[in-house]
Amino acid sequence: MAIHRKRFRVEEAIVGEMPSPEMIEEAAPMHNEIMAELRAIRAQMAKGTVPLSGSAAMAAIDASTAHELSEARTMLDTYRAQIEQCEKLKVELDLIHDAIDRTKREIATLHGKSFDGGEMAKVNGELGAVVGGTEQATQQILEAAESIDQAASAMSKVQSADQQKRLADDIQERVISIFEACNFQDLTGQRISKVMTTMKFIEQHINAMMEIWGGVDAIKAHVPAPADTRSEDEKLLNGPKLAGDVGHASQDDIDALFD
């Protein structure tokens, strides 16, 4: 408990105005707090060791700062590497997105103009007309040839000149009929040319899609192994041989069987 003592005028004149005991008592807690903070800072600088001198404390601070700076630089380099990887991944994703978008456009073009559009209907119609025209022309040629054969046989048996002339005229008419029937070849060629144009259109867009995904060599790597699921009879029906086809027997091979 503070003791309040009366001050005399002489003391005030010699010493001057002194702080009252109440002010001293109020300043004491603040002094204690400041000292406590200083002790805490010293303990933190020492890091649990013996209190350091001024130069040692500065050295410890410099070492701690250098360590933290090194860690920060290492973390920054890691972040930079991750950002570079993300940028590379974004480039690859953009390329994939572009390839998919271009492939969609090619498929949409094929779907709209070929597979599900008017072009494919025309192709089916042209091929049907080729089959029908060929069948009709073949039938006409066979009938004309049969009539010619019958007229030639009859001509050898008749003696009258008029009958022979009528048979000869009939043979000439049948020959003209055969020539007319052979005109189907020109119509067939035109129709097949239309079909080939559509097939080339499809081939171009399919090749474009293959180029988008790396070309023919890249596509071949994903082609499954060929599996022949045909029956034994179907394997024998290879159709007419084209130049360069394999698996067909030549006439020399057939003749060799009878030697």
C-alpha atoms as a PDB file:
ATOM      1  CA  MET A   1       0.000   0.000   0.000  1.00  0.00           C
ATOM      2  CA  ALA A   2       1.435   3.367  -1.022  1.00  0.00           C
ATOM      3  CA  ILE A   3       2.223   5.923   1.796  1.00  0.00           C
ATOM      4  CA  HIS A   4       1.141   9.483   1.013  1.00  0.00           C
ATOM      5  CA  ARG A   5       3.683  11.919   2.466  1.00  0.00           C
ATOM      6  CA  LYS A   6       3.284  15.629   2.381  1.00  0.00           C
ATOM      7  CA  ARG A   7       6.033  17.377   0.459  1.00  0.00           C
ATOM      8  CA  PHE A   8       7.547  20.549   1.695  1.00  0.00           C
ATOM      9  CA  ARG A   9       8.251  23.639  -0.382  1.00  0.00           C
ATOM     10  CA  VAL A  10      11.994  23.245   0.034  1.00  0.00           C
ATOM     11  CA  GLU A  11      11.887  19.762  -1.527  1.00  0.00           C
ATOM     12  CA  GLU A  12       9.892  21.038  -4.441  1.00  0.00           C
ATOM     13  CA  ALA A  13      12.283  23.935  -4.958  1.00  0.00           C
ATOM     14  CA  ILE A  14      15.414  21.741  -4.835  1.00  0.00           C
ATOM     15  CA  VAL A  15      14.267  18.486  -6.486  1.00  0.00           C
ATOM     16  CA  GLY A  16      11.514  19.838  -8.630  1.00  0.00           C
ATOM     17  CA  GLU A  17       8.098  18.402  -9.196  1.00  0.00           C
ATOM     18  CA  MET A  18       8.333  14.662  -8.699  1.00  0.00           C
ATOM     19  CA  PRO A  19       5.772  12.157 -10.009  1.00  0.00           C
ATOM     20  CA  SER A  20       3.239  11.191  -7.522  1.00  0.00           C
ATOM     21  CA  PRO A  21       3.277   7.651  -6.089  1.00  0.00           C
ATOM     22  CA  GLU A  22       0.095   6.882  -7.975  1.00  0.00           C
ATOM     23  CA  MET A  23       1.825   7.567 -11.339  1.00  0.00           C
ATOM     24  CA  ILE A  24       4.758   5.391 -10.338  1.00  0.00           C
ATOM     25  CA  GLU A  25       2.454   2.580  -9.442  1.00  0.00           C
ATOM     26  CA  GLU A  26       0.653   2.946 -12.833  1.00  0.00           C
ATOM     27  CA  ALA A  27       3.885   2.865 -14.851  1.00  0.00           C
ATOM     28  CA  ALA A  28       5.088  -0.287 -13.118  1.00  0.00           C
ATOM     29  CA  PRO A  29       2.768  -2.711 -14.947  1.00  0.00           C
ATOM     30  CA  MET A  30       3.737  -1.289 -18.364  1.00  0.00           C
ATOM     31  CA  HIS A  31       7.393  -1.722 -17.526  1.00  0.00           C
ATOM     32  CA  ASN A  32       6.726  -5.319 -16.554  1.00  0.00           C
ATOM     33  CA  GLU A  33       4.944  -5.979 -19.836  1.00  0.00           C
ATOM     34  CA  ILE A  34       7.766  -4.490 -21.860  1.00  0.00           C
ATOM     35  CA  MET A  35      10.304  -6.610 -20.031  1.00  0.00           C
ATOM     36  CA  ALA A  36       8.179  -9.699 -20.546  1.00  0.00           C
ATOM     37  CA  GLU A  37       7.996  -9.001 -24.282  1.00  0.00           C
ATOM     38  CA  LEU A  38      11.737  -8.520 -24.463  1.00  0.00           C
ATOM     39  CA  ARG A  39      12.315 -11.811 -22.679  1.00  0.00           C
ATOM     40  CA  ALA A  40       9.930 -13.550 -25.096  1.00  0.00           C
ATOM     41  CA  ILE A  41      11.727 -12.072 -28.096  1.00  0.00           C
ATOM     42  CA  ARG A  42      15.071 -13.141 -26.678  1.00  0.00           C
ATOM     43  CA  ALA A  43      13.754 -16.666 -26.079  1.00  0.00           C
ATOM     44  CA  GLN A  44      12.414 -16.847 -29.598  1.00  0.00           C
ATOM     45  CA  MET A  45      15.702 -15.664 -31.048  1.00  0.00           C
ATOM     46  CA  ALA A  46      17.596 -18.171 -28.978  1.00  0.00           C
ATOM     47  CA  LYS A  47      15.199 -20.954 -30.069  1.00  0.00           C
ATOM     48  CA  GLY A  48      15.362 -22.751 -26.800  1.00  0.00           C
ATOM     49  CA  THR A  49      19.119 -22.397 -26.378  1.00  0.00           C
ATOM     50  CA  VAL A  50      21.281 -20.202 -24.245  1.00  0.00           C
ATOM     51  CA  PRO A  51      20.564 -16.491 -24.750  1.00  0.00           C
ATOM     52  CA  LEU A  52      22.696 -15.115 -27.584  1.00  0.00           C
ATOM     53  CA  SER A  53      24.701 -11.953 -27.693  1.00  0.00           C
ATOM     54  CA  GLY A  54      23.855  -9.177 -30.147  1.00  0.00           C
ATOM     55  CA  SER A  55      26.102 -10.402 -33.011  1.00  0.00           C
ATOM     56  CA  ALA A  56      25.101 -14.029 -32.487  1.00  0.00           C
ATOM     57  CA  ALA A  57      21.421 -13.025 -32.552  1.00  0.00           C
ATOM     58  CA  MET A  58      21.880 -11.183 -35.847  1.00  0.00           C
ATOM     59  CA  ALA A  59      23.696 -14.205 -37.278  1.00  0.00           C
ATOM     60  CA  ALA A  60      20.853 -16.468 -36.191  1.00  0.00           C
ATOM     61  CA  ILE A  61      18.312 -14.106 -37.772  1.00  0.00           C
ATOM     62  CA  ASP A  62      20.331 -14.028 -41.023  1.00  0.00           C
ATOM     63  CA  ALA A  63      20.570 -17.826 -41.070  1.00  0.00           C
ATOM     64  CA  SER A  64      16.850 -18.190 -40.456  1.00  0.00           C
ATOM     65  CA  THR A  65      16.075 -15.640 -43.149  1.00  0.00           C
ATOM     66  CA  ALA A  66      18.380 -17.387 -45.648  1.00  0.00           C
ATOM     67  CA  HIS A  67      16.756 -20.745 -44.884  1.00  0.00           C
ATOM     68  CA  GLU A  68      13.273 -19.342 -45.352  1.00  0.00           C
ATOM     69  CA  LEU A  69      14.345 -17.629 -48.583  1.00  0.00           C
ATOM     70  CA  SER A  70      15.777 -20.901 -49.890  1.00  0.00           C
ATOM     71  CA  GLU A  71      12.569 -22.719 -49.074  1.00  0.00           C
ATOM     72  CA  ALA A  72      10.559 -19.983 -50.770  1.00  0.00           C
ATOM     73  CA  ARG A  73      12.720 -20.237 -53.903  1.00  0.00           C
ATOM     74  CA  THR A  74      12.369 -24.018 -53.951  1.00  0.00           C
ATOM     75  CA  MET A  75       8.602 -23.712 -53.618  1.00  0.00           C
ATOM     76  CA  LEU A  76       8.560 -21.078 -56.384  1.00  0.00           C
ATOM     77  CA  ASP A  77      10.550 -23.364 -58.708  1.00  0.00           C
ATOM     78  CA  THR A  78       8.105 -26.170 -57.967  1.00  0.00           C
ATOM     79  CA  TYR A  79       5.164 -23.932 -58.782  1.00  0.00           C
ATOM     80  CA  ARG A  80       6.837 -22.801 -62.014  1.00  0.00           C
ATOM     81  CA  ALA A  81       7.404 -26.418 -63.080  1.00  0.00           C
ATOM     82  CA  GLN A  82       3.783 -27.260 -62.319  1.00  0.00           C
ATOM     83  CA  ILE A  83       2.602 -24.241 -64.305  1.00  0.00           C
ATOM     84  CA  GLU A  84       4.750 -25.317 -67.276  1.00  0.00           C
ATOM     85  CA  GLN A  85       3.263 -28.807 -67.118  1.00  0.00           C
ATOM     86  CA  CYS A  86      -0.224 -27.333 -66.973  1.00  0.00           C
ATOM     87  CA  GLU A  87       0.524 -25.180 -70.014  1.00  0.00           C
ATOM     88  CA  LYS A  88       1.791 -28.215 -71.944  1.00  0.00           C
ATOM     89  CA  LEU A  89      -1.303 -30.171 -70.924  1.00  0.00           C
ATOM     90  CA  LYS A  90      -3.509 -27.303 -72.085  1.00  0.00           C
ATOM     91  CA  VAL A  91      -1.774 -27.293 -75.480  1.00  0.00           C
ATOM     92  CA  GLU A  92      -2.314 -31.037 -75.843  1.00  0.00           C
ATOM     93  CA  LEU A  93      -5.955 -30.718 -74.804  1.00  0.00           C
ATOM     94  CA  ASP A  94      -6.451 -27.917 -77.318  1.00  0.00           C
ATOM     95  CA  LEU A  95      -5.007 -30.118 -80.064  1.00  0.00           C
ATOM     96  CA  ILE A  96      -7.291 -32.996 -79.092  1.00  0.00           C
ATOM     97  CA  HIS A  97     -10.286 -30.656 -78.987  1.00  0.00           C
ATOM     98  CA  ASP A  98      -9.423 -29.316 -82.442  1.00  0.00           C
ATOM     99  CA  ALA A  99      -8.997 -32.839 -83.842  1.00  0.00           C
ATOM    100  CA  ILE A 100     -12.329 -33.956 -82.401  1.00  0.00           C
ATOM    101  CA  ASP A 101     -14.055 -30.859 -83.765  1.00  0.00           C
ATOM    102  CA  ARG A 102     -12.627 -31.373 -87.254  1.00  0.00           C
ATOM    103  CA  THR A 103     -13.562 -35.045 -87.165  1.00  0.00           C
ATOM    104  CA  LYS A 104     -17.123 -34.107 -86.202  1.00  0.00           C
ATOM    105  CA  ARG A 105     -17.299 -31.792 -89.200  1.00  0.00           C
ATOM    106  CA  GLU A 106     -16.072 -34.528 -91.538  1.00  0.00           C
ATOM    107  CA  ILE A 107     -18.591 -37.012 -90.134  1.00  0.00           C
ATOM    108  CA  ALA A 108     -21.378 -34.437 -90.405  1.00  0.00           C
ATOM    109  CA  THR A 109     -20.456 -33.834 -94.049  1.00  0.00           C
ATOM    110  CA  LEU A 110     -20.498 -37.557 -94.800  1.00  0.00           C
ATOM    111  CA  HIS A 111     -23.737 -38.047 -92.888  1.00  0.00           C
ATOM    112  CA  GLY A 112     -25.466 -35.148 -94.608  1.00  0.00           C
ATOM    113  CA  LYS A 113     -24.278 -35.724 -98.167  1.00  0.00           C
ATOM    114  CA  SER A 114     -23.613 -39.440 -98.387  1.00  0.00           C
ATOM    115  CA  PHE A 115     -24.685 -42.002 -95.837  1.00  0.00           C
ATOM    116  CA  ASP A 116     -27.995 -40.479 -94.823  1.00  0.00           C
ATOM    117  CA  GLY A 117     -28.581 -37.966 -97.607  1.00  0.00           C
ATOM    118  CA  GLY A 118     -29.646 -37.829-101.219  1.00  0.00           C
ATOM    119  CA  GLU A 119     -26.278 -38.941-102.550  1.00  0.00           C
ATOM    120  CA  MET A 120     -26.521 -42.421-101.061  1.00  0.00           C
ATOM    121  CA  ALA A 121     -30.078 -42.787-102.373  1.00  0.00           C
ATOM    122  CA  LYS A 122     -28.782 -41.839-105.819  1.00  0.00           C
ATOM    123  CA  VAL A 123     -25.975 -44.373-105.496  1.00  0.00           C
ATOM    124  CA  ASN A 124     -28.447 -47.129-104.666  1.00  0.00           C
ATOM    125  CA  GLY A 125     -30.664 -46.063-107.557  1.00  0.00           C
ATOM    126  CA  GLU A 126     -27.775 -45.953-110.019  1.00  0.00           C
ATOM    127  CA  LEU A 127     -26.521 -49.400-108.999  1.00  0.00           C
ATOM    128  CA  GLY A 128     -30.054 -50.792-109.241  1.00  0.00           C
ATOM    129  CA  ALA A 129     -30.399 -49.289-112.716  1.00  0.00           C
ATOM    130  CA  VAL A 130     -27.064 -50.832-113.734  1.00  0.00           C
ATOM    131  CA  VAL A 131     -28.223 -54.277-112.604  1.00  0.00           C
ATOM    132  CA  GLY A 132     -31.630 -53.899-114.267  1.00  0.00           C
ATOM    133  CA  GLY A 133     -30.212 -52.510-117.518  1.00  0.00           C
ATOM    134  CA  THR A 134     -27.591 -55.243-117.725  1.00  0.00           C
ATOM    135  CA  GLU A 135     -30.190 -57.933-117.134  1.00  0.00           C
ATOM    136  CA  GLN A 136     -32.545 -56.490-119.734  1.00  0.00           C
ATOM    137  CA  ALA A 137     -29.791 -56.112-122.333  1.00  0.00           C
ATOM    138  CA  THR A 138     -28.564 -59.646-121.696  1.00  0.00           C
ATOM    139  CA  GLN A 139     -32.065 -61.006-122.129  1.00  0.00           C
ATOM    140  CA  GLN A 140     -32.507 -59.075-125.383  1.00  0.00           C
ATOM    141  CA  ILE A 141     -29.190 -60.295-126.757  1.00  0.00           C
ATOM    142  CA  LEU A 142     -29.978 -63.906-125.891  1.00  0.00           C
ATOM    143  CA  GLU A 143     -33.396 -63.733-127.542  1.00  0.00           C
ATOM    144  CA  ALA A 144     -31.906 -62.155-130.666  1.00  0.00           C
ATOM    145  CA  ALA A 145     -29.172 -64.785-130.827  1.00  0.00           C
ATOM    146  CA  GLU A 146     -31.749 -67.557-130.457  1.00  0.00           C
ATOM    147  CA  SER A 147     -33.859 -66.068-133.272  1.00  0.00           C
ATOM    148  CA  ILE A 148     -30.809 -65.764-135.499  1.00  0.00           C
ATOM    149  CA  ASP A 149     -29.938 -69.392-134.831  1.00  0.00           C
ATOM    150  CA  GLN A 150     -33.472 -70.504-135.720  1.00  0.00           C
ATOM    151  CA  ALA A 151     -33.530 -68.361-138.881  1.00  0.00           C
ATOM    152  CA  ALA A 152     -30.156 -69.706-140.020  1.00  0.00           C
ATOM    153  CA  SER A 153     -31.341 -73.274-139.480  1.00  0.00           C
ATOM    154  CA  ALA A 154     -34.542 -72.601-141.448  1.00  0.00           C
ATOM    155  CA  MET A 155     -32.646 -70.880-144.247  1.00  0.00           C
ATOM    156  CA  SER A 156     -30.621 -73.992-144.904  1.00  0.00           C
ATOM    157  CA  LYS A 157     -33.804 -76.019-145.378  1.00  0.00           C
ATOM    158  CA  VAL A 158     -35.892 -73.752-147.652  1.00  0.00           C
ATOM    159  CA  GLN A 159     -35.426 -73.592-151.407  1.00  0.00           C
ATOM    160  CA  SER A 160     -37.504 -70.535-152.204  1.00  0.00           C
ATOM    161  CA  ALA A 161     -35.631 -67.322-152.732  1.00  0.00           C
ATOM    162  CA  ASP A 162     -38.437 -65.280-151.143  1.00  0.00           C
ATOM    163  CA  GLN A 163     -38.342 -67.318-147.963  1.00  0.00           C
ATOM    164  CA  GLN A 164     -34.592 -67.060-147.794  1.00  0.00           C
ATOM    165  CA  LYS A 165     -34.829 -63.281-148.212  1.00  0.00           C
ATOM    166  CA  ARG A 166     -37.394 -63.044-145.418  1.00  0.00           C
ATOM    167  CA  LEU A 167     -35.179 -65.112-143.141  1.00  0.00           C
ATOM    168  CA  ALA A 168     -32.144 -62.984-144.030  1.00  0.00           C
ATOM    169  CA  ASP A 169     -34.116 -59.817-143.236  1.00  0.00           C
ATOM    170  CA  ASP A 170     -35.156 -61.341-139.937  1.00  0.00           C
ATOM    171  CA  ILE A 171     -31.511 -62.126-139.134  1.00  0.00           C
ATOM    172  CA  GLN A 172     -30.502 -58.548-139.907  1.00  0.00           C
ATOM    173  CA  GLU A 173     -33.244 -57.209-137.626  1.00  0.00           C
ATOM    174  CA  ARG A 174     -32.062 -59.425-134.819  1.00  0.00           C
ATOM    175  CA  VAL A 175     -28.452 -58.257-135.346  1.00  0.00           C
ATOM    176  CA  ILE A 176     -29.639 -54.646-135.116  1.00  0.00           C
ATOM    177  CA  SER A 177     -31.487 -55.577-131.919  1.00  0.00           C
ATOM    178  CA  ILE A 178     -28.240 -56.920-130.491  1.00  0.00           C
ATOM    179  CA  PHE A 179     -26.448 -53.680-131.356  1.00  0.00           C
ATOM    180  CA  GLU A 180     -29.186 -51.694-129.666  1.00  0.00           C
ATOM    181  CA  ALA A 181     -28.989 -53.862-126.597  1.00  0.00           C
ATOM    182  CA  CYS A 182     -25.255 -53.232-126.410  1.00  0.00           C
ATOM    183  CA  ASN A 183     -25.971 -49.551-125.814  1.00  0.00           C
ATOM    184  CA  PHE A 184     -26.514 -50.485-122.165  1.00  0.00           C
ATOM    185  CA  GLN A 185     -22.739 -50.374-121.816  1.00  0.00           C
ATOM    186  CA  ASP A 186     -22.672 -46.603-122.327  1.00  0.00           C
ATOM    187  CA  LEU A 187     -25.500 -46.031-119.835  1.00  0.00           C
ATOM    188  CA  THR A 188     -23.875 -48.395-117.374  1.00  0.00           C
ATOM    189  CA  GLY A 189     -20.585 -46.532-117.647  1.00  0.00           C
ATOM    190  CA  GLN A 190     -22.279 -43.202-116.915  1.00  0.00           C
ATOM    191  CA  ARG A 191     -24.116 -44.583-113.901  1.00  0.00           C
ATOM    192  CA  ILE A 192     -21.000 -46.252-112.519  1.00  0.00           C
ATOM    193  CA  SER A 193     -19.094 -42.971-112.971  1.00  0.00           C
ATOM    194  CA  LYS A 194     -21.662 -41.265-110.721  1.00  0.00           C
ATOM    195  CA  VAL A 195     -21.243 -44.012-108.152  1.00  0.00           C
ATOM    196  CA  MET A 196     -17.457 -43.708-108.316  1.00  0.00           C
ATOM    197  CA  THR A 197     -17.729 -39.925-107.786  1.00  0.00           C
ATOM    198  CA  THR A 198     -19.703 -40.484-104.602  1.00  0.00           C
ATOM    199  CA  MET A 199     -17.278 -43.170-103.442  1.00  0.00           C
ATOM    200  CA  LYS A 200     -14.332 -40.815-104.057  1.00  0.00           C
ATOM    201  CA  PHE A 201     -16.116 -38.129-102.037  1.00  0.00           C
ATOM    202  CA  ILE A 202     -16.494 -40.557 -99.145  1.00  0.00           C
ATOM    203  CA  GLU A 203     -12.891 -41.708 -99.524  1.00  0.00           C
ATOM    204  CA  GLN A 204     -11.568 -38.129 -99.411  1.00  0.00           C
ATOM    205  CA  HIS A 205     -13.373 -37.341 -96.171  1.00  0.00           C
ATOM    206  CA  ILE A 206     -12.335 -40.632 -94.589  1.00  0.00           C
ATOM    207  CA  ASN A 207      -8.717 -39.927 -95.566  1.00  0.00           C
ATOM    208  CA  ALA A 208      -9.093 -36.453 -94.070  1.00  0.00           C
ATOM    209  CA  MET A 209     -10.234 -37.971 -90.767  1.00  0.00           C
ATOM    210  CA  MET A 210      -7.313 -40.369 -90.841  1.00  0.00           C
ATOM    211  CA  GLU A 211      -4.893 -37.488 -91.417  1.00  0.00           C
ATOM    212  CA  ILE A 212      -6.415 -35.628 -88.467  1.00  0.00           C
ATOM    213  CA  TRP A 213      -5.481 -38.513 -86.166  1.00  0.00           C
ATOM    214  CA  GLY A 214      -1.954 -39.062 -87.469  1.00  0.00           C
ATOM    215  CA  GLY A 215      -2.326 -40.588 -90.922  1.00  0.00           C
ATOM    216  CA  VAL A 216      -2.646 -44.111 -92.242  1.00  0.00           C
ATOM    217  CA  ASP A 217       0.312 -45.477 -90.277  1.00  0.00           C
ATOM    218  CA  ALA A 218      -1.200 -44.322 -86.974  1.00  0.00           C
ATOM    219  CA  ILE A 219      -4.540 -45.908 -87.885  1.00  0.00           C
ATOM    220  CA  LYS A 220      -2.940 -49.210 -88.900  1.00  0.00           C
ATOM    221  CA  ALA A 221      -1.617 -49.638 -85.375  1.00  0.00           C
ATOM    222  CA  HIS A 222      -5.216 -49.959 -84.157  1.00  0.00           C
ATOM    223  CA  VAL A 223      -6.484 -52.268 -86.892  1.00  0.00           C
ATOM    224  CA  PRO A 224      -7.510 -55.653 -85.442  1.00  0.00           C
ATOM    225  CA  ALA A 225      -6.119 -58.840 -86.894  1.00  0.00           C
ATOM    226  CA  PRO A 226      -8.170 -59.968 -89.919  1.00  0.00           C
ATOM    227  CA  ALA A 227     -10.499 -62.875 -89.242  1.00  0.00           C
ATOM    228  CA  ASP A 228     -12.106 -64.777 -92.117  1.00  0.00           C
ATOM    229  CA  THR A 229     -15.593 -65.734 -90.939  1.00  0.00           C
ATOM    230  CA  ARG A 230     -16.807 -66.974 -94.304  1.00  0.00           C
ATOM    231  CA  SER A 231     -17.996 -70.535 -94.806  1.00  0.00           C
ATOM    232  CA  GLU A 232     -16.048 -72.983 -96.937  1.00  0.00           C
ATOM    233  CA  ASP A 233     -18.299 -72.417 -99.948  1.00  0.00           C
ATOM    234  CA  GLU A 234     -18.115 -68.630 -99.584  1.00  0.00           C
ATOM    235  CA  LYS A 235     -14.317 -68.801 -99.528  1.00  0.00           C
ATOM    236  CA  LEU A 236     -14.405 -70.335-102.998  1.00  0.00           C
ATOM    237  CA  LEU A 237     -16.561 -67.512-104.409  1.00  0.00           C
ATOM    238  CA  ASN A 238     -13.981 -64.800-104.951  1.00  0.00           C
ATOM    239  CA  GLY A 239     -15.581 -63.365-108.076  1.00  0.00           C
ATOM    240  CA  PRO A 240     -13.775 -62.211-111.213  1.00  0.00           C
ATOM    241  CA  LYS A 241     -10.077 -61.618-110.804  1.00  0.00           C
ATOM    242  CA  LEU A 242      -8.726 -58.085-110.968  1.00  0.00           C
ATOM    243  CA  ALA A 243      -5.181 -57.104-111.853  1.00  0.00           C
ATOM    244  CA  GLY A 244      -3.001 -57.779-108.846  1.00  0.00           C
ATOM    245  CA  ASP A 245      -5.564 -59.910-106.973  1.00  0.00           C
ATOM    246  CA  VAL A 246      -4.339 -63.003-105.187  1.00  0.00           C
ATOM    247  CA  GLY A 247      -6.240 -66.149-104.287  1.00  0.00           C
ATOM    248  CA  HIS A 248      -7.568 -66.765-107.797  1.00  0.00           C
ATOM    249  CA  ALA A 249      -6.696 -69.739-109.974  1.00  0.00           C
ATOM    250  CA  SER A 250      -5.417 -68.881-113.429  1.00  0.00           C
ATOM    251  CA  GLN A 251      -6.226 -70.795-116.572  1.00  0.00           C
ATOM    252  CA  ASP A 252      -2.714 -72.249-116.501  1.00  0.00           C
ATOM    253  CA  ASP A 253      -3.399 -73.632-113.003  1.00  0.00           C
ATOM    254  CA  ILE A 254      -6.601 -75.244-114.239  1.00  0.00           C
ATOM    255  CA  ASP A 255      -4.892 -76.711-117.319  1.00  0.00           C
ATOM    256  CA  ALA A 256      -2.138 -78.132-115.099  1.00  0.00           C
ATOM    257  CA  LEU A 257      -4.741 -80.217-113.265  1.00  0.00           C
ATOM    258  CA  PHE A 258      -5.483 -82.142-116.471  1.00  0.00           C
ATOM    259  CA  ASP A 259      -1.884 -82.722-117.516  1.00  0.00           C
END
